[in-house]
Amino acid sequence: KTDFINFISDQEWKSIEPVSSWFGPSSFLMSSMSALFQLSMWIRHCHGYLTENVGIPVWGSYAVFALATLFSGLILGLVSEAL
């Protein structure tokens, strides 16, 4: 607590360089990172649903996600070539 008060009162904060706009909370990079974390939580939720509620074995859930990844890559590749 004392260090923080000294940091403010001695104005040491003025010597610290600001964070680059690339790493700001509202930047495209940080928004993309947030979306990836949200996607990973959604995948985790889906994995739990498939294994606990539907009764698919863990390896079957992994196979579902692997196939979904392959097909989404195929569709994205076809769309990018069509444009």
PDB file of N, CA and C in Angstrom:
ATOM      1  N   LYS A   1       0.827  -1.180   0.000  1.00  0.00           N
ATOM      2  CA  LYS A   1       0.000   0.000   0.000  1.00  0.00           C
ATOM      3  C   LYS A   1       0.879   1.254   0.000  1.00  0.00           C
ATOM      4  N   THR A   2       1.926   1.216   0.778  1.00  0.00           N
ATOM      5  CA  THR A   2       2.823   2.373   0.868  1.00  0.00           C
ATOM      6  C   THR A   2       3.510   2.635  -0.464  1.00  0.00           C
ATOM      7  N   ASP A   3       3.917   1.557  -1.131  1.00  0.00           N
ATOM      8  CA  ASP A   3       4.571   1.717  -2.439  1.00  0.00           C
ATOM      9  C   ASP A   3       3.630   2.366  -3.446  1.00  0.00           C
ATOM     10  N   PHE A   4       2.372   1.972  -3.413  1.00  0.00           N
ATOM     11  CA  PHE A   4       1.400   2.546  -4.347  1.00  0.00           C
ATOM     12  C   PHE A   4       1.181   4.038  -4.058  1.00  0.00           C
ATOM     13  N   ILE A   5       1.071   4.375  -2.795  1.00  0.00           N
ATOM     14  CA  ILE A   5       0.891   5.784  -2.428  1.00  0.00           C
ATOM     15  C   ILE A   5       2.112   6.599  -2.842  1.00  0.00           C
ATOM     16  N   ASN A   6       3.304   6.056  -2.636  1.00  0.00           N
ATOM     17  CA  ASN A   6       4.523   6.753  -3.064  1.00  0.00           C
ATOM     18  C   ASN A   6       4.584   6.880  -4.584  1.00  0.00           C
ATOM     19  N   PHE A   7       4.126   5.869  -5.277  1.00  0.00           N
ATOM     20  CA  PHE A   7       4.111   5.888  -6.735  1.00  0.00           C
ATOM     21  C   PHE A   7       3.253   7.047  -7.242  1.00  0.00           C
ATOM     22  N   ILE A   8       2.125   7.276  -6.586  1.00  0.00           N
ATOM     23  CA  ILE A   8       1.223   8.356  -6.978  1.00  0.00           C
ATOM     24  C   ILE A   8       1.746   9.709  -6.517  1.00  0.00           C
ATOM     25  N   SER A   9       2.128   9.797  -5.261  1.00  0.00           N
ATOM     26  CA  SER A   9       2.535  11.099  -4.710  1.00  0.00           C
ATOM     27  C   SER A   9       3.843  11.600  -5.310  1.00  0.00           C
ATOM     28  N   ASP A  10       4.762  10.708  -5.637  1.00  0.00           N
ATOM     29  CA  ASP A  10       6.035  11.112  -6.246  1.00  0.00           C
ATOM     30  C   ASP A  10       5.920  11.270  -7.757  1.00  0.00           C
ATOM     31  N   GLN A  11       4.750  11.027  -8.296  1.00  0.00           N
ATOM     32  CA  GLN A  11       4.445  11.133  -9.726  1.00  0.00           C
ATOM     33  C   GLN A  11       5.373  10.275 -10.590  1.00  0.00           C
ATOM     34  N   GLU A  12       5.678   9.078 -10.092  1.00  0.00           N
ATOM     35  CA  GLU A  12       6.501   8.135 -10.858  1.00  0.00           C
ATOM     36  C   GLU A  12       5.737   7.614 -12.075  1.00  0.00           C
ATOM     37  N   TRP A  13       4.411   7.718 -12.040  1.00  0.00           N
ATOM     38  CA  TRP A  13       3.604   7.219 -13.141  1.00  0.00           C
ATOM     39  C   TRP A  13       3.843   7.999 -14.430  1.00  0.00           C
ATOM     40  N   LYS A  14       4.379   9.201 -14.322  1.00  0.00           N
ATOM     41  CA  LYS A  14       4.638  10.000 -15.519  1.00  0.00           C
ATOM     42  C   LYS A  14       5.784   9.438 -16.353  1.00  0.00           C
ATOM     43  N   SER A  15       6.666   8.678 -15.735  1.00  0.00           N
ATOM     44  CA  SER A  15       7.824   8.138 -16.459  1.00  0.00           C
ATOM     45  C   SER A  15       7.502   6.827 -17.185  1.00  0.00           C
ATOM     46  N   ILE A  16       6.321   6.283 -16.990  1.00  0.00           N
ATOM     47  CA  ILE A  16       5.936   5.020 -17.632  1.00  0.00           C
ATOM     48  C   ILE A  16       5.328   5.321 -18.989  1.00  0.00           C
ATOM     49  N   GLU A  17       5.776   4.594 -20.017  1.00  0.00           N
ATOM     50  CA  GLU A  17       5.254   4.790 -21.363  1.00  0.00           C
ATOM     51  C   GLU A  17       3.848   4.189 -21.468  1.00  0.00           C
ATOM     52  N   PRO A  18       2.964   4.841 -22.196  1.00  0.00           N
ATOM     53  CA  PRO A  18       1.595   4.297 -22.341  1.00  0.00           C
ATOM     54  C   PRO A  18       1.596   3.014 -23.170  1.00  0.00           C
ATOM     55  N   VAL A  19       0.557   2.245 -22.991  1.00  0.00           N
ATOM     56  CA  VAL A  19       0.389   0.997 -23.732  1.00  0.00           C
ATOM     57  C   VAL A  19       0.107   1.335 -25.189  1.00  0.00           C
ATOM     58  N   SER A  20       0.699   0.569 -26.084  1.00  0.00           N
ATOM     59  CA  SER A  20       0.467   0.766 -27.517  1.00  0.00           C
ATOM     60  C   SER A  20      -1.010   0.578 -27.845  1.00  0.00           C
ATOM     61  N   SER A  21      -1.465   1.264 -28.872  1.00  0.00           N
ATOM     62  CA  SER A  21      -2.874   1.148 -29.259  1.00  0.00           C
ATOM     63  C   SER A  21      -3.222  -0.268 -29.722  1.00  0.00           C
ATOM     64  N   TRP A  22      -2.219  -1.035 -30.146  1.00  0.00           N
ATOM     65  CA  TRP A  22      -2.452  -2.421 -30.552  1.00  0.00           C
ATOM     66  C   TRP A  22      -2.932  -3.265 -29.379  1.00  0.00           C
ATOM     67  N   PHE A  23      -2.489  -2.915 -28.167  1.00  0.00           N
ATOM     68  CA  PHE A  23      -2.811  -3.714 -26.994  1.00  0.00           C
ATOM     69  C   PHE A  23      -3.861  -3.060 -26.105  1.00  0.00           C
ATOM     70  N   GLY A  24      -4.498  -2.012 -26.594  1.00  0.00           N
ATOM     71  CA  GLY A  24      -5.571  -1.368 -25.838  1.00  0.00           C
ATOM     72  C   GLY A  24      -6.780  -2.286 -25.763  1.00  0.00           C
ATOM     73  N   PRO A  25      -7.616  -2.126 -24.751  1.00  0.00           N
ATOM     74  CA  PRO A  25      -8.765  -3.020 -24.575  1.00  0.00           C
ATOM     75  C   PRO A  25      -9.762  -2.999 -25.733  1.00  0.00           C
ATOM     76  N   SER A  26      -9.859  -1.888 -26.456  1.00  0.00           N
ATOM     77  CA  SER A  26     -10.837  -1.815 -27.541  1.00  0.00           C
ATOM     78  C   SER A  26     -10.213  -2.022 -28.921  1.00  0.00           C
ATOM     79  N   SER A  27      -8.960  -2.447 -28.970  1.00  0.00           N
ATOM     80  CA  SER A  27      -8.301  -2.635 -30.262  1.00  0.00           C
ATOM     81  C   SER A  27      -8.813  -3.903 -30.945  1.00  0.00           C
ATOM     82  N   PHE A  28      -8.561  -3.993 -32.232  1.00  0.00           N
ATOM     83  CA  PHE A  28      -8.970  -5.161 -33.006  1.00  0.00           C
ATOM     84  C   PHE A  28      -8.288  -6.420 -32.486  1.00  0.00           C
ATOM     85  N   LEU A  29      -7.010  -6.313 -32.125  1.00  0.00           N
ATOM     86  CA  LEU A  29      -6.246  -7.464 -31.633  1.00  0.00           C
ATOM     87  C   LEU A  29      -6.851  -8.018 -30.350  1.00  0.00           C
ATOM     88  N   MET A  30      -7.154  -7.148 -29.413  1.00  0.00           N
ATOM     89  CA  MET A  30      -7.717  -7.603 -28.137  1.00  0.00           C
ATOM     90  C   MET A  30      -9.154  -8.087 -28.301  1.00  0.00           C
ATOM     91  N   SER A  31      -9.906  -7.486 -29.207  1.00  0.00           N
ATOM     92  CA  SER A  31     -11.262  -7.971 -29.475  1.00  0.00           C
ATOM     93  C   SER A  31     -11.215  -9.366 -30.090  1.00  0.00           C
ATOM     94  N   SER A  32     -10.247  -9.601 -30.952  1.00  0.00           N
ATOM     95  CA  SER A  32     -10.078 -10.925 -31.552  1.00  0.00           C
ATOM     96  C   SER A  32      -9.687 -11.960 -30.507  1.00  0.00           C
ATOM     97  N   MET A  33      -8.785 -11.568 -29.608  1.00  0.00           N
ATOM     98  CA  MET A  33      -8.387 -12.480 -28.533  1.00  0.00           C
ATOM     99  C   MET A  33      -9.579 -12.825 -27.641  1.00  0.00           C
ATOM    100  N   SER A  34     -10.403 -11.841 -27.354  1.00  0.00           N
ATOM    101  CA  SER A  34     -11.597 -12.071 -26.544  1.00  0.00           C
ATOM    102  C   SER A  34     -12.546 -13.035 -27.247  1.00  0.00           C
ATOM    103  N   ALA A  35     -12.703 -12.861 -28.549  1.00  0.00           N
ATOM    104  CA  ALA A  35     -13.572 -13.760 -29.313  1.00  0.00           C
ATOM    105  C   ALA A  35     -13.038 -15.189 -29.292  1.00  0.00           C
ATOM    106  N   LEU A  36     -11.724 -15.354 -29.365  1.00  0.00           N
ATOM    107  CA  LEU A  36     -11.139 -16.697 -29.305  1.00  0.00           C
ATOM    108  C   LEU A  36     -11.369 -17.340 -27.948  1.00  0.00           C
ATOM    109  N   PHE A  37     -11.237 -16.568 -26.883  1.00  0.00           N
ATOM    110  CA  PHE A  37     -11.496 -17.113 -25.552  1.00  0.00           C
ATOM    111  C   PHE A  37     -12.968 -17.492 -25.392  1.00  0.00           C
ATOM    112  N   GLN A  38     -13.858 -16.672 -25.929  1.00  0.00           N
ATOM    113  CA  GLN A  38     -15.282 -17.001 -25.864  1.00  0.00           C
ATOM    114  C   GLN A  38     -15.585 -18.255 -26.675  1.00  0.00           C
ATOM    115  N   LEU A  39     -14.937 -18.396 -27.826  1.00  0.00           N
ATOM    116  CA  LEU A  39     -15.118 -19.597 -28.639  1.00  0.00           C
ATOM    117  C   LEU A  39     -14.631 -20.832 -27.889  1.00  0.00           C
ATOM    118  N   SER A  40     -13.495 -20.722 -27.213  1.00  0.00           N
ATOM    119  CA  SER A  40     -12.981 -21.874 -26.473  1.00  0.00           C
ATOM    120  C   SER A  40     -13.911 -22.265 -25.339  1.00  0.00           C
ATOM    121  N   MET A  41     -14.535 -21.277 -24.685  1.00  0.00           N
ATOM    122  CA  MET A  41     -15.493 -21.595 -23.626  1.00  0.00           C
ATOM    123  C   MET A  41     -16.752 -22.247 -24.207  1.00  0.00           C
ATOM    124  N   TRP A  42     -17.179 -21.799 -25.386  1.00  0.00           N
ATOM    125  CA  TRP A  42     -18.336 -22.407 -26.035  1.00  0.00           C
ATOM    126  C   TRP A  42     -18.035 -23.854 -26.415  1.00  0.00           C
ATOM    127  N   ILE A  43     -16.841 -24.102 -26.945  1.00  0.00           N
ATOM    128  CA  ILE A  43     -16.448 -25.466 -27.318  1.00  0.00           C
ATOM    129  C   ILE A  43     -16.400 -26.351 -26.082  1.00  0.00           C
ATOM    130  N   ARG A  44     -15.880 -25.817 -24.985  1.00  0.00           N
ATOM    131  CA  ARG A  44     -15.828 -26.573 -23.729  1.00  0.00           C
ATOM    132  C   ARG A  44     -17.245 -26.914 -23.258  1.00  0.00           C
ATOM    133  N   HIS A  45     -18.148 -25.945 -23.364  1.00  0.00           N
ATOM    134  CA  HIS A  45     -19.533 -26.187 -22.969  1.00  0.00           C
ATOM    135  C   HIS A  45     -20.167 -27.274 -23.848  1.00  0.00           C
ATOM    136  N   CYS A  46     -19.938 -27.184 -25.155  1.00  0.00           N
ATOM    137  CA  CYS A  46     -20.477 -28.189 -26.079  1.00  0.00           C
ATOM    138  C   CYS A  46     -19.904 -29.572 -25.795  1.00  0.00           C
ATOM    139  N   HIS A  47     -18.610 -29.631 -25.490  1.00  0.00           N
ATOM    140  CA  HIS A  47     -17.969 -30.911 -25.163  1.00  0.00           C
ATOM    141  C   HIS A  47     -18.617 -31.509 -23.912  1.00  0.00           C
ATOM    142  N   GLY A  48     -18.839 -30.689 -22.906  1.00  0.00           N
ATOM    143  CA  GLY A  48     -19.493 -31.173 -21.694  1.00  0.00           C
ATOM    144  C   GLY A  48     -20.913 -31.656 -21.972  1.00  0.00           C
ATOM    145  N   TYR A  49     -21.635 -30.918 -22.800  1.00  0.00           N
ATOM    146  CA  TYR A  49     -22.999 -31.334 -23.157  1.00  0.00           C
ATOM    147  C   TYR A  49     -22.998 -32.664 -23.897  1.00  0.00           C
ATOM    148  N   LEU A  50     -22.091 -32.806 -24.861  1.00  0.00           N
ATOM    149  CA  LEU A  50     -22.046 -34.046 -25.645  1.00  0.00           C
ATOM    150  C   LEU A  50     -21.669 -35.249 -24.791  1.00  0.00           C
ATOM    151  N   THR A  51     -20.722 -35.054 -23.877  1.00  0.00           N
ATOM    152  CA  THR A  51     -20.264 -36.202 -23.079  1.00  0.00           C
ATOM    153  C   THR A  51     -21.184 -36.507 -21.899  1.00  0.00           C
ATOM    154  N   GLU A  52     -21.740 -35.467 -21.266  1.00  0.00           N
ATOM    155  CA  GLU A  52     -22.546 -35.700 -20.064  1.00  0.00           C
ATOM    156  C   GLU A  52     -24.023 -35.909 -20.365  1.00  0.00           C
ATOM    157  N   ASN A  53     -24.605 -35.116 -21.236  1.00  0.00           N
ATOM    158  CA  ASN A  53     -26.052 -35.200 -21.484  1.00  0.00           C
ATOM    159  C   ASN A  53     -26.409 -36.166 -22.607  1.00  0.00           C
ATOM    160  N   VAL A  54     -25.657 -36.115 -23.689  1.00  0.00           N
ATOM    161  CA  VAL A  54     -25.962 -36.968 -24.836  1.00  0.00           C
ATOM    162  C   VAL A  54     -25.392 -38.376 -24.646  1.00  0.00           C
ATOM    163  N   GLY A  55     -24.276 -38.475 -23.917  1.00  0.00           N
ATOM    164  CA  GLY A  55     -23.680 -39.783 -23.654  1.00  0.00           C
ATOM    165  C   GLY A  55     -22.629 -40.207 -24.659  1.00  0.00           C
ATOM    166  N   ILE A  56     -22.168 -39.291 -25.490  1.00  0.00           N
ATOM    167  CA  ILE A  56     -21.108 -39.602 -26.448  1.00  0.00           C
ATOM    168  C   ILE A  56     -19.800 -39.752 -25.682  1.00  0.00           C
ATOM    169  N   PRO A  57     -18.995 -40.761 -25.997  1.00  0.00           N
ATOM    170  CA  PRO A  57     -17.696 -40.875 -25.315  1.00  0.00           C
ATOM    171  C   PRO A  57     -16.790 -39.688 -25.667  1.00  0.00           C
ATOM    172  N   VAL A  58     -15.778 -39.486 -24.846  1.00  0.00           N
ATOM    173  CA  VAL A  58     -14.884 -38.343 -25.024  1.00  0.00           C
ATOM    174  C   VAL A  58     -14.250 -38.379 -26.409  1.00  0.00           C
ATOM    175  N   TRP A  59     -13.803 -39.551 -26.843  1.00  0.00           N
ATOM    176  CA  TRP A  59     -13.166 -39.631 -28.154  1.00  0.00           C
ATOM    177  C   TRP A  59     -14.162 -39.287 -29.260  1.00  0.00           C
ATOM    178  N   GLY A  60     -15.447 -39.610 -29.060  1.00  0.00           N
ATOM    179  CA  GLY A  60     -16.463 -39.274 -30.045  1.00  0.00           C
ATOM    180  C   GLY A  60     -16.690 -37.774 -30.132  1.00  0.00           C
ATOM    181  N   SER A  61     -16.632 -37.107 -28.979  1.00  0.00           N
ATOM    182  CA  SER A  61     -16.761 -35.652 -28.969  1.00  0.00           C
ATOM    183  C   SER A  61     -15.586 -35.015 -29.702  1.00  0.00           C
ATOM    184  N   TYR A  62     -14.387 -35.536 -29.455  1.00  0.00           N
ATOM    185  CA  TYR A  62     -13.207 -35.021 -30.165  1.00  0.00           C
ATOM    186  C   TYR A  62     -13.341 -35.235 -31.666  1.00  0.00           C
ATOM    187  N   ALA A  63     -13.902 -36.383 -32.060  1.00  0.00           N
ATOM    188  CA  ALA A  63     -14.087 -36.665 -33.487  1.00  0.00           C
ATOM    189  C   ALA A  63     -15.092 -35.689 -34.102  1.00  0.00           C
ATOM    190  N   VAL A  64     -16.147 -35.350 -33.356  1.00  0.00           N
ATOM    191  CA  VAL A  64     -17.133 -34.391 -33.851  1.00  0.00           C
ATOM    192  C   VAL A  64     -16.474 -33.041 -34.095  1.00  0.00           C
ATOM    193  N   PHE A  65     -15.656 -32.585 -33.129  1.00  0.00           N
ATOM    194  CA  PHE A  65     -14.989 -31.295 -33.282  1.00  0.00           C
ATOM    195  C   PHE A  65     -13.937 -31.322 -34.394  1.00  0.00           C
ATOM    196  N   ALA A  66     -13.263 -32.455 -34.565  1.00  0.00           N
ATOM    197  CA  ALA A  66     -12.278 -32.569 -35.646  1.00  0.00           C
ATOM    198  C   ALA A  66     -12.969 -32.487 -37.005  1.00  0.00           C
ATOM    199  N   LEU A  67     -14.090 -33.183 -37.145  1.00  0.00           N
ATOM    200  CA  LEU A  67     -14.829 -33.130 -38.404  1.00  0.00           C
ATOM    201  C   LEU A  67     -15.404 -31.743 -38.655  1.00  0.00           C
ATOM    202  N   ALA A  68     -15.888 -31.090 -37.606  1.00  0.00           N
ATOM    203  CA  ALA A  68     -16.409 -29.730 -37.763  1.00  0.00           C
ATOM    204  C   ALA A  68     -15.300 -28.772 -38.198  1.00  0.00           C
ATOM    205  N   THR A  69     -14.101 -28.965 -37.658  1.00  0.00           N
ATOM    206  CA  THR A  69     -12.967 -28.134 -38.051  1.00  0.00           C
ATOM    207  C   THR A  69     -12.601 -28.361 -39.515  1.00  0.00           C
ATOM    208  N   LEU A  70     -12.567 -29.624 -39.927  1.00  0.00           N
ATOM    209  CA  LEU A  70     -12.240 -29.942 -41.320  1.00  0.00           C
ATOM    210  C   LEU A  70     -13.277 -29.375 -42.288  1.00  0.00           C
ATOM    211  N   PHE A  71     -14.553 -29.554 -41.966  1.00  0.00           N
ATOM    212  CA  PHE A  71     -15.593 -29.061 -42.864  1.00  0.00           C
ATOM    213  C   PHE A  71     -15.657 -27.542 -42.909  1.00  0.00           C
ATOM    214  N   SER A  72     -15.445 -26.896 -41.755  1.00  0.00           N
ATOM    215  CA  SER A  72     -15.449 -25.421 -41.778  1.00  0.00           C
ATOM    216  C   SER A  72     -14.259 -24.898 -42.578  1.00  0.00           C
ATOM    217  N   GLY A  73     -13.111 -25.560 -42.492  1.00  0.00           N
ATOM    218  CA  GLY A  73     -11.955 -25.176 -43.306  1.00  0.00           C
ATOM    219  C   GLY A  73     -12.231 -25.386 -44.780  1.00  0.00           C
ATOM    220  N   LEU A  74     -12.897 -26.475 -45.106  1.00  0.00           N
ATOM    221  CA  LEU A  74     -13.256 -26.749 -46.500  1.00  0.00           C
ATOM    222  C   LEU A  74     -14.199 -25.687 -47.033  1.00  0.00           C
ATOM    223  N   ILE A  75     -15.218 -25.341 -46.258  1.00  0.00           N
ATOM    224  CA  ILE A  75     -16.184 -24.337 -46.692  1.00  0.00           C
ATOM    225  C   ILE A  75     -15.514 -22.970 -46.830  1.00  0.00           C
ATOM    226  N   LEU A  76     -14.698 -22.586 -45.839  1.00  0.00           N
ATOM    227  CA  LEU A  76     -14.000 -21.307 -45.919  1.00  0.00           C
ATOM    228  C   LEU A  76     -13.043 -21.261 -47.112  1.00  0.00           C
ATOM    229  N   GLY A  77     -12.380 -22.376 -47.400  1.00  0.00           N
ATOM    230  CA  GLY A  77     -11.489 -22.437 -48.563  1.00  0.00           C
ATOM    231  C   GLY A  77     -12.245 -22.288 -49.868  1.00  0.00           C
ATOM    232  N   LEU A  78     -13.396 -22.962 -49.966  1.00  0.00           N
ATOM    233  CA  LEU A  78     -14.204 -22.844 -51.177  1.00  0.00           C
ATOM    234  C   LEU A  78     -14.752 -21.431 -51.365  1.00  0.00           C
ATOM    235  N   VAL A  79     -15.177 -20.813 -50.265  1.00  0.00           N
ATOM    236  CA  VAL A  79     -15.708 -19.463 -50.345  1.00  0.00           C
ATOM    237  C   VAL A  79     -14.601 -18.476 -50.743  1.00  0.00           C
ATOM    238  N   SER A  80     -13.416 -18.644 -50.160  1.00  0.00           N
ATOM    239  CA  SER A  80     -12.326 -17.719 -50.484  1.00  0.00           C
ATOM    240  C   SER A  80     -11.872 -17.865 -51.924  1.00  0.00           C
ATOM    241  N   GLU A  81     -11.944 -19.057 -52.488  1.00  0.00           N
ATOM    242  CA  GLU A  81     -11.566 -19.263 -53.890  1.00  0.00           C
ATOM    243  C   GLU A  81     -12.634 -18.730 -54.832  1.00  0.00           C
ATOM    244  N   ALA A  82     -13.884 -18.769 -54.389  1.00  0.00           N
ATOM    245  CA  ALA A  82     -14.983 -18.300 -55.227  1.00  0.00           C
ATOM    246  C   ALA A  82     -14.971 -16.777 -55.352  1.00  0.00           C
ATOM    247  N   LEU A  83     -14.415 -16.122 -54.345  1.00  0.00           N
ATOM    248  CA  LEU A  83     -14.385 -14.660 -54.378  1.00  0.00           C
ATOM    249  C   LEU A  83     -13.163 -14.239 -55.091  1.00  0.00           C
TER     250      LEU A  83
END
